[in-house]
Amino acid sequence: MKLLDLHTAASRYQNLVEPHLGSAVAADFGRYEALNLATWRAGMFIHVPRGVAVQKPMHVVMAASDENPYFCGRILVVLEEAAQLTLVAEFTSPRGVEIKTNAVIESVVGAGSHFRLVTVQSWGDRAISYLTQRANLGRDAQFLSVFAGLGAGLSKADLGACLVGRGANAKLLGVSFGQREQHFDHHTVHDHQANDTYSDLDFKVVLKDKARSVYTGLIRIEPHATNCEAYQENRNLLLSDGTRADTIPELEILNDEVRCTHGATIGPLDEQQIFYLTARGIHRDEAIRMVVNGFVEPTLKEVPEDLRERLSRYIAQRVEEI
């Protein structure tokens, strides 16, 4: 197994890096992705050889500071056939520091491999963030992606997987908390390019004060990809009158031999639930936190136990702020 700086990896292990760098997020992906590929400074390369199972989660932190107002980072993960890895990638910066960020996580998951990725976006409150995350999944590959959108004043995240091998399986769980005047724009893509592939998405958003969330989710099934299943759900909880949430689920189904469903909801706090709790001596602020916990708990339950505790610490901190 290899874990090292991407610059170092590109010079020492060119045969491992060159075929995969830019394969999942290429220069023609978009203008910000092209800029990242051309100008990335901070980078990590993770390579797991064939048949190797990394037993403990790996935690990578990419931190920006006021010394550099533009942060451009890239993480490249390559799992060969029948490999296993759990990666926690955290992006953070100090509060009150004005920075602009452009980050990419691209993954190549070989046949029969299992990859679990937890991405924690906890930039400071004055950061403007752009994040692109893509995974190319080989035959029978298993991919679990957990995303927590917690920080930044303005955040755009483009998350997704390309199921290029038959029998590939992708699951995306997302939780986002916005307050004050935070603006989140989340976009997800599950692109089914092979037969017998499966994808599932569950994305929850909680907003307070004047925060805003925009969500678009695309399920695409290619004409030749038959016997596929895809599910997508986005739910938004509004805690204040000044919040706003927009949700746009999209289906691009190009053949008939599939099973696909999607759903989206936007709603305020249920005052009957709050009344029920306050009538039993619970303070209103605590009652709201209990309702929020109940809203996100079904999603957290889907997270494997060894990752749930790690992610719950981040979520608990934001719920306490609410």
Protein backbone atom coordinates (compact mmCIF):
# COMPACT_ATOMS: atom_id res chain seq x y z
CA MET A 1 0.00 0.00 0.00
CA LYS A 2 1.17 3.54 -0.76
CA LEU A 3 0.16 6.80 0.94
CA LEU A 4 2.20 9.82 -0.06
CA ASP A 5 2.17 13.32 -1.45
CA LEU A 6 0.75 13.41 -4.97
CA HIS A 7 3.71 15.37 -6.32
CA THR A 8 6.11 12.76 -4.95
CA ALA A 9 3.97 9.90 -6.23
CA ALA A 10 3.83 11.38 -9.73
CA SER A 11 7.64 11.41 -9.94
CA ARG A 12 8.40 8.11 -8.14
CA TYR A 13 5.52 5.95 -9.35
CA GLN A 14 4.63 7.42 -12.70
CA ASN A 15 3.29 4.08 -13.94
CA LEU A 16 0.70 4.05 -11.10
CA VAL A 17 -0.30 7.71 -11.16
CA GLU A 18 -0.29 8.71 -14.83
CA PRO A 19 -3.01 6.27 -16.04
CA HIS A 20 -5.42 7.36 -13.31
CA LEU A 21 -4.78 11.06 -12.66
CA GLY A 22 -7.65 12.85 -14.38
CA SER A 23 -9.41 9.62 -15.36
CA ALA A 24 -12.47 10.19 -13.14
CA VAL A 25 -12.33 14.01 -13.14
CA ALA A 26 -10.73 15.06 -16.42
CA ALA A 27 -9.83 18.50 -17.74
CA ASP A 28 -12.99 18.57 -19.88
CA PHE A 29 -15.22 17.86 -16.84
CA GLY A 30 -15.74 21.60 -16.22
CA ARG A 31 -13.84 24.84 -15.91
CA TYR A 32 -13.14 24.51 -12.18
CA GLU A 33 -12.04 20.90 -12.61
CA ALA A 34 -9.71 21.94 -15.43
CA LEU A 35 -8.29 24.67 -13.20
CA ASN A 36 -7.73 22.14 -10.41
CA LEU A 37 -5.97 19.67 -12.69
CA ALA A 38 -3.67 22.44 -13.94
CA THR A 39 -2.90 24.22 -10.66
CA TRP A 40 -3.35 21.81 -7.72
CA ARG A 41 -0.75 22.36 -5.01
CA ALA A 42 -1.76 20.13 -2.11
CA GLY A 43 -2.32 16.53 -3.11
CA MET A 44 -2.48 12.99 -1.74
CA PHE A 45 -2.08 9.67 -3.52
CA ILE A 46 -3.46 6.47 -2.01
CA HIS A 47 -2.84 3.12 -3.70
CA VAL A 48 -4.08 -0.24 -2.42
CA PRO A 49 -2.66 -3.26 -4.30
CA ARG A 50 -4.68 -6.21 -5.49
CA GLY A 51 -6.23 -8.30 -2.71
CA VAL A 52 -5.06 -6.01 0.13
CA ALA A 53 -7.62 -5.04 2.78
CA VAL A 54 -6.68 -2.00 4.89
CA GLN A 55 -8.13 -2.84 8.29
CA LYS A 56 -8.39 0.61 9.90
CA PRO A 57 -9.93 3.81 8.48
CA MET A 58 -7.46 6.29 7.04
CA HIS A 59 -7.97 9.99 7.93
CA VAL A 60 -6.64 12.70 5.60
CA VAL A 61 -6.98 16.36 6.59
CA MET A 62 -6.55 19.16 4.06
CA ALA A 63 -6.33 22.49 5.84
CA ALA A 64 -6.15 26.02 4.45
CA SER A 65 -4.91 29.12 6.28
CA ASP A 66 -4.82 32.88 5.86
CA GLU A 67 -1.30 32.61 4.41
CA ASN A 68 -2.75 31.44 1.08
CA PRO A 69 -6.16 32.86 0.05
CA TYR A 70 -6.54 30.24 -2.71
CA PHE A 71 -6.48 26.56 -1.79
CA CYS A 72 -6.33 23.99 -4.58
CA GLY A 73 -6.11 20.35 -3.47
CA ARG A 74 -6.53 16.94 -5.07
CA ILE A 75 -6.84 13.40 -3.71
CA LEU A 76 -6.32 10.41 -6.00
CA VAL A 77 -7.37 6.98 -4.73
CA VAL A 78 -6.60 3.80 -6.68
CA LEU A 79 -7.87 0.41 -5.50
CA GLU A 80 -6.79 -2.55 -7.53
CA GLU A 81 -8.87 -5.70 -7.88
CA ALA A 82 -10.39 -7.13 -4.65
CA ALA A 83 -8.90 -4.40 -2.43
CA GLN A 84 -10.59 -2.72 0.56
CA LEU A 85 -10.19 0.78 2.02
CA THR A 86 -12.03 3.24 4.25
CA LEU A 87 -11.00 6.89 3.85
CA VAL A 88 -12.09 9.93 5.86
CA ALA A 89 -11.26 13.14 3.99
CA GLU A 90 -11.72 16.37 5.95
CA PHE A 91 -11.43 19.88 4.54
CA THR A 92 -11.06 22.66 7.10
CA SER A 93 -9.91 26.24 7.65
CA PRO A 94 -10.05 28.78 10.51
CA ARG A 95 -13.17 30.81 11.14
CA GLY A 96 -13.16 34.39 9.90
CA VAL A 97 -10.51 33.76 7.21
CA GLU A 98 -11.44 34.66 3.63
CA ILE A 99 -10.31 31.87 1.30
CA LYS A 100 -11.39 30.33 -1.98
CA THR A 101 -11.07 26.57 -2.35
CA ASN A 102 -11.10 24.19 -5.31
CA ALA A 103 -10.78 20.53 -4.34
CA VAL A 104 -11.14 17.22 -6.18
CA ILE A 105 -11.41 13.65 -4.92
CA GLU A 106 -11.19 11.12 -7.73
CA SER A 107 -11.25 7.38 -7.18
CA VAL A 108 -10.66 4.35 -9.34
CA VAL A 109 -12.21 1.27 -7.72
CA GLY A 110 -11.16 -2.03 -9.27
CA ALA A 111 -13.24 -5.14 -9.84
CA GLY A 112 -14.58 -6.67 -6.64
CA SER A 113 -13.12 -3.91 -4.45
CA HIS A 114 -14.84 -2.25 -1.50
CA PHE A 115 -14.29 1.48 -0.98
CA ARG A 116 -15.90 3.60 1.74
CA LEU A 117 -15.37 7.37 1.58
CA VAL A 118 -16.42 9.86 4.25
CA THR A 119 -16.05 13.50 3.14
CA VAL A 120 -16.38 16.21 5.80
CA GLN A 121 -16.63 19.76 4.46
CA SER A 122 -15.97 21.95 7.50
CA TRP A 123 -14.40 25.06 5.97
CA GLY A 124 -14.51 28.28 7.95
CA ASP A 125 -17.52 30.56 7.74
CA ARG A 126 -15.91 32.97 5.22
CA ALA A 127 -14.72 30.33 2.77
CA ILE A 128 -16.01 29.93 -0.77
CA SER A 129 -15.77 26.23 -1.56
CA TYR A 130 -15.95 24.14 -4.73
CA LEU A 131 -15.63 20.37 -4.42
CA THR A 132 -15.84 17.67 -7.07
CA GLN A 133 -15.96 14.00 -6.11
CA ARG A 134 -16.17 11.12 -8.59
CA ALA A 135 -15.55 7.37 -8.43
CA ASN A 136 -15.22 5.00 -11.37
CA LEU A 137 -16.46 1.56 -10.29
CA GLY A 138 -15.33 -1.67 -11.90
CA ARG A 139 -17.16 -4.97 -12.11
CA ASP A 140 -18.87 -5.92 -8.80
CA ALA A 141 -17.19 -2.99 -7.02
CA GLN A 142 -18.87 -1.70 -3.86
CA PHE A 143 -18.76 2.05 -3.10
CA LEU A 144 -20.21 3.83 -0.06
CA SER A 145 -19.91 7.62 0.01
CA VAL A 146 -20.89 9.63 3.10
CA PHE A 147 -20.88 13.43 2.77
CA ALA A 148 -21.24 15.97 5.59
CA GLY A 149 -21.65 19.59 4.47
CA LEU A 150 -21.07 21.74 7.54
CA GLY A 151 -18.96 24.79 6.76
CA ALA A 152 -18.20 27.59 4.28
CA GLY A 153 -20.21 30.70 3.54
CA LEU A 154 -20.80 29.54 -0.03
CA SER A 155 -20.33 25.89 -0.97
CA LYS A 156 -20.77 23.96 -4.21
CA ALA A 157 -20.33 20.17 -4.12
CA ASP A 158 -20.61 17.88 -7.16
CA LEU A 159 -20.70 14.28 -5.93
CA GLY A 160 -21.13 11.10 -7.90
CA ALA A 161 -20.15 7.70 -9.21
CA CYS A 162 -19.83 6.14 -12.65
CA LEU A 163 -20.85 2.48 -12.54
CA VAL A 164 -18.78 1.25 -15.47
CA GLY A 165 -18.52 -2.44 -14.52
CA ARG A 166 -21.32 -4.98 -14.44
CA GLY A 167 -22.72 -5.53 -10.94
CA ALA A 168 -21.24 -2.32 -9.49
CA ASN A 169 -23.00 -0.92 -6.41
CA ALA A 170 -22.95 2.73 -5.24
CA LYS A 171 -24.58 4.26 -2.17
CA LEU A 172 -24.45 7.94 -1.23
CA LEU A 173 -25.53 9.29 2.15
CA GLY A 174 -25.49 13.04 2.74
CA VAL A 175 -26.20 15.36 5.67
CA SER A 176 -25.92 19.14 5.50
CA PHE A 177 -26.51 21.86 8.11
CA GLY A 178 -26.86 25.53 7.14
CA GLN A 179 -27.28 28.55 9.37
CA ARG A 180 -26.90 32.32 9.29
CA GLU A 181 -26.48 33.21 5.58
CA GLN A 182 -24.77 30.04 4.38
CA HIS A 183 -25.55 28.96 0.83
CA PHE A 184 -25.19 25.30 -0.20
CA ASP A 185 -25.45 23.95 -3.72
CA HIS A 186 -25.26 20.15 -3.89
CA HIS A 187 -25.36 18.13 -7.09
CA THR A 188 -25.26 14.33 -7.25
CA VAL A 189 -24.86 11.97 -10.20
CA HIS A 190 -25.19 8.22 -10.47
CA ASP A 191 -24.27 7.22 -14.01
CA HIS A 192 -25.15 3.60 -14.81
CA GLN A 193 -23.00 2.49 -17.74
CA ALA A 194 -23.22 -1.30 -17.31
CA ASN A 195 -25.83 -4.01 -16.76
CA ASP A 196 -27.05 -5.15 -13.33
CA THR A 197 -25.81 -2.06 -11.48
CA TYR A 198 -27.41 -0.57 -8.36
CA SER A 199 -27.36 2.89 -6.77
CA ASP A 200 -29.07 4.46 -3.77
CA LEU A 201 -29.03 8.04 -2.46
CA ASP A 202 -30.34 9.59 0.76
CA PHE A 203 -29.55 13.30 1.28
CA LYS A 204 -30.84 15.30 4.28
CA VAL A 205 -30.60 19.09 4.71
CA VAL A 206 -31.32 21.18 7.83
CA LEU A 207 -31.52 24.99 7.50
CA LYS A 208 -31.79 27.82 10.03
CA ASP A 209 -31.81 31.65 9.99
CA LYS A 210 -31.39 32.80 6.36
CA ALA A 211 -29.52 29.78 5.05
CA ARG A 212 -30.31 28.43 1.59
CA SER A 213 -29.88 25.04 -0.06
CA VAL A 214 -30.14 24.04 -3.71
CA TYR A 215 -30.07 20.34 -4.55
CA THR A 216 -30.10 18.65 -7.96
CA GLY A 217 -29.73 14.91 -8.33
CA LEU A 218 -29.31 13.04 -11.60
CA ILE A 219 -29.81 9.34 -12.21
CA ARG A 220 -28.65 8.42 -15.69
CA ILE A 221 -28.99 4.95 -17.17
CA GLU A 222 -27.34 4.39 -20.53
CA PRO A 223 -29.24 2.69 -23.42
CA HIS A 224 -27.23 -0.53 -23.15
CA ALA A 225 -27.34 -0.73 -19.30
CA THR A 226 -30.24 -3.08 -18.55
CA ASN A 227 -31.53 -4.58 -15.29
CA CYS A 228 -30.39 -1.57 -13.27
CA GLU A 229 -31.91 -0.22 -10.05
CA ALA A 230 -31.59 3.35 -8.77
CA TYR A 231 -33.18 5.20 -5.87
CA GLN A 232 -32.90 8.85 -4.87
CA GLU A 233 -34.33 10.78 -1.91
CA ASN A 234 -33.76 14.36 -0.75
CA ARG A 235 -35.47 15.76 2.35
CA ASN A 236 -35.18 19.32 3.69
CA LEU A 237 -36.09 20.58 7.18
CA LEU A 238 -36.56 24.35 7.59
CA LEU A 239 -36.16 25.68 11.14
CA SER A 240 -36.74 29.40 10.38
CA ASP A 241 -39.00 31.48 8.16
CA GLY A 242 -36.04 33.07 6.36
CA THR A 243 -34.64 29.80 5.01
CA ARG A 244 -35.14 28.47 1.50
CA ALA A 245 -34.60 25.07 -0.09
CA ASP A 246 -34.90 24.07 -3.75
CA THR A 247 -34.76 20.45 -4.81
CA ILE A 248 -34.68 19.13 -8.39
CA PRO A 249 -34.50 15.34 -8.82
CA GLU A 250 -33.69 14.30 -12.40
CA LEU A 251 -34.03 10.97 -14.19
CA GLU A 252 -32.44 10.27 -17.56
CA ILE A 253 -33.53 6.72 -18.33
CA LEU A 254 -32.56 5.57 -21.81
CA ASN A 255 -33.95 2.01 -21.74
CA ASP A 256 -37.01 0.25 -20.34
CA GLU A 257 -35.46 -2.62 -18.39
CA VAL A 258 -34.81 -0.69 -15.16
CA ARG A 259 -36.34 0.11 -11.79
CA CYS A 260 -35.96 3.73 -10.64
CA THR A 261 -37.68 5.90 -8.02
CA HIS A 262 -37.06 9.35 -6.60
CA GLY A 263 -38.59 11.61 -3.98
CA ALA A 264 -38.12 15.03 -2.42
CA THR A 265 -39.73 16.94 0.46
CA ILE A 266 -39.40 20.45 1.91
CA GLY A 267 -41.09 21.40 5.15
CA PRO A 268 -40.89 23.39 8.38
CA LEU A 269 -40.69 22.07 11.91
CA ASP A 270 -43.77 20.22 13.04
CA GLU A 271 -45.08 22.41 15.86
CA GLN A 272 -47.16 19.52 17.19
CA GLN A 273 -43.97 17.57 17.83
CA ILE A 274 -42.44 20.58 19.60
CA PHE A 275 -45.59 21.05 21.68
CA TYR A 276 -45.61 17.37 22.63
CA LEU A 277 -42.03 17.60 23.92
CA THR A 278 -42.38 20.98 25.71
CA ALA A 279 -45.59 19.76 27.39
CA ARG A 280 -43.43 17.14 29.08
CA GLY A 281 -41.06 19.67 30.58
CA ILE A 282 -38.45 19.78 27.80
CA HIS A 283 -37.15 23.26 26.93
CA ARG A 284 -38.08 24.39 23.40
CA ASP A 285 -34.43 24.64 22.26
CA GLU A 286 -33.77 21.10 23.42
CA ALA A 287 -37.01 19.92 21.81
CA ILE A 288 -35.86 21.36 18.46
CA ARG A 289 -32.51 19.59 18.78
CA MET A 290 -34.33 16.32 19.49
CA VAL A 291 -36.48 16.74 16.36
CA VAL A 292 -33.38 17.51 14.27
CA ASN A 293 -31.63 14.45 15.65
CA GLY A 294 -34.66 12.36 14.78
CA PHE A 295 -34.62 13.80 11.26
CA VAL A 296 -31.02 12.82 10.48
CA GLU A 297 -30.83 9.64 12.58
CA PRO A 298 -32.26 7.31 9.88
CA THR A 299 -29.47 8.43 7.56
CA LEU A 300 -26.79 7.99 10.21
CA LYS A 301 -28.08 4.50 10.94
CA GLU A 302 -27.18 3.56 7.36
CA VAL A 303 -23.55 4.47 8.04
CA PRO A 304 -21.45 1.45 9.11
CA GLU A 305 -20.96 1.32 12.86
CA ASP A 306 -17.21 1.93 12.79
CA LEU A 307 -17.78 5.18 10.86
CA ARG A 308 -20.97 6.28 12.60
CA GLU A 309 -19.29 7.37 15.82
CA ARG A 310 -16.68 9.38 13.93
CA LEU A 311 -19.30 11.18 11.85
CA SER A 312 -21.70 11.62 14.76
CA ARG A 313 -19.17 13.85 16.54
CA TYR A 314 -19.32 16.35 13.70
CA ILE A 315 -23.12 16.19 13.52
CA ALA A 316 -23.56 16.55 17.29
CA GLN A 317 -21.52 19.75 17.28
CA ARG A 318 -23.73 21.33 14.62
CA VAL A 319 -26.94 20.20 16.33
CA GLU A 320 -25.73 21.82 19.57
CA GLU A 321 -25.21 25.09 17.68
CA ILE A 322 -28.82 24.90 16.52
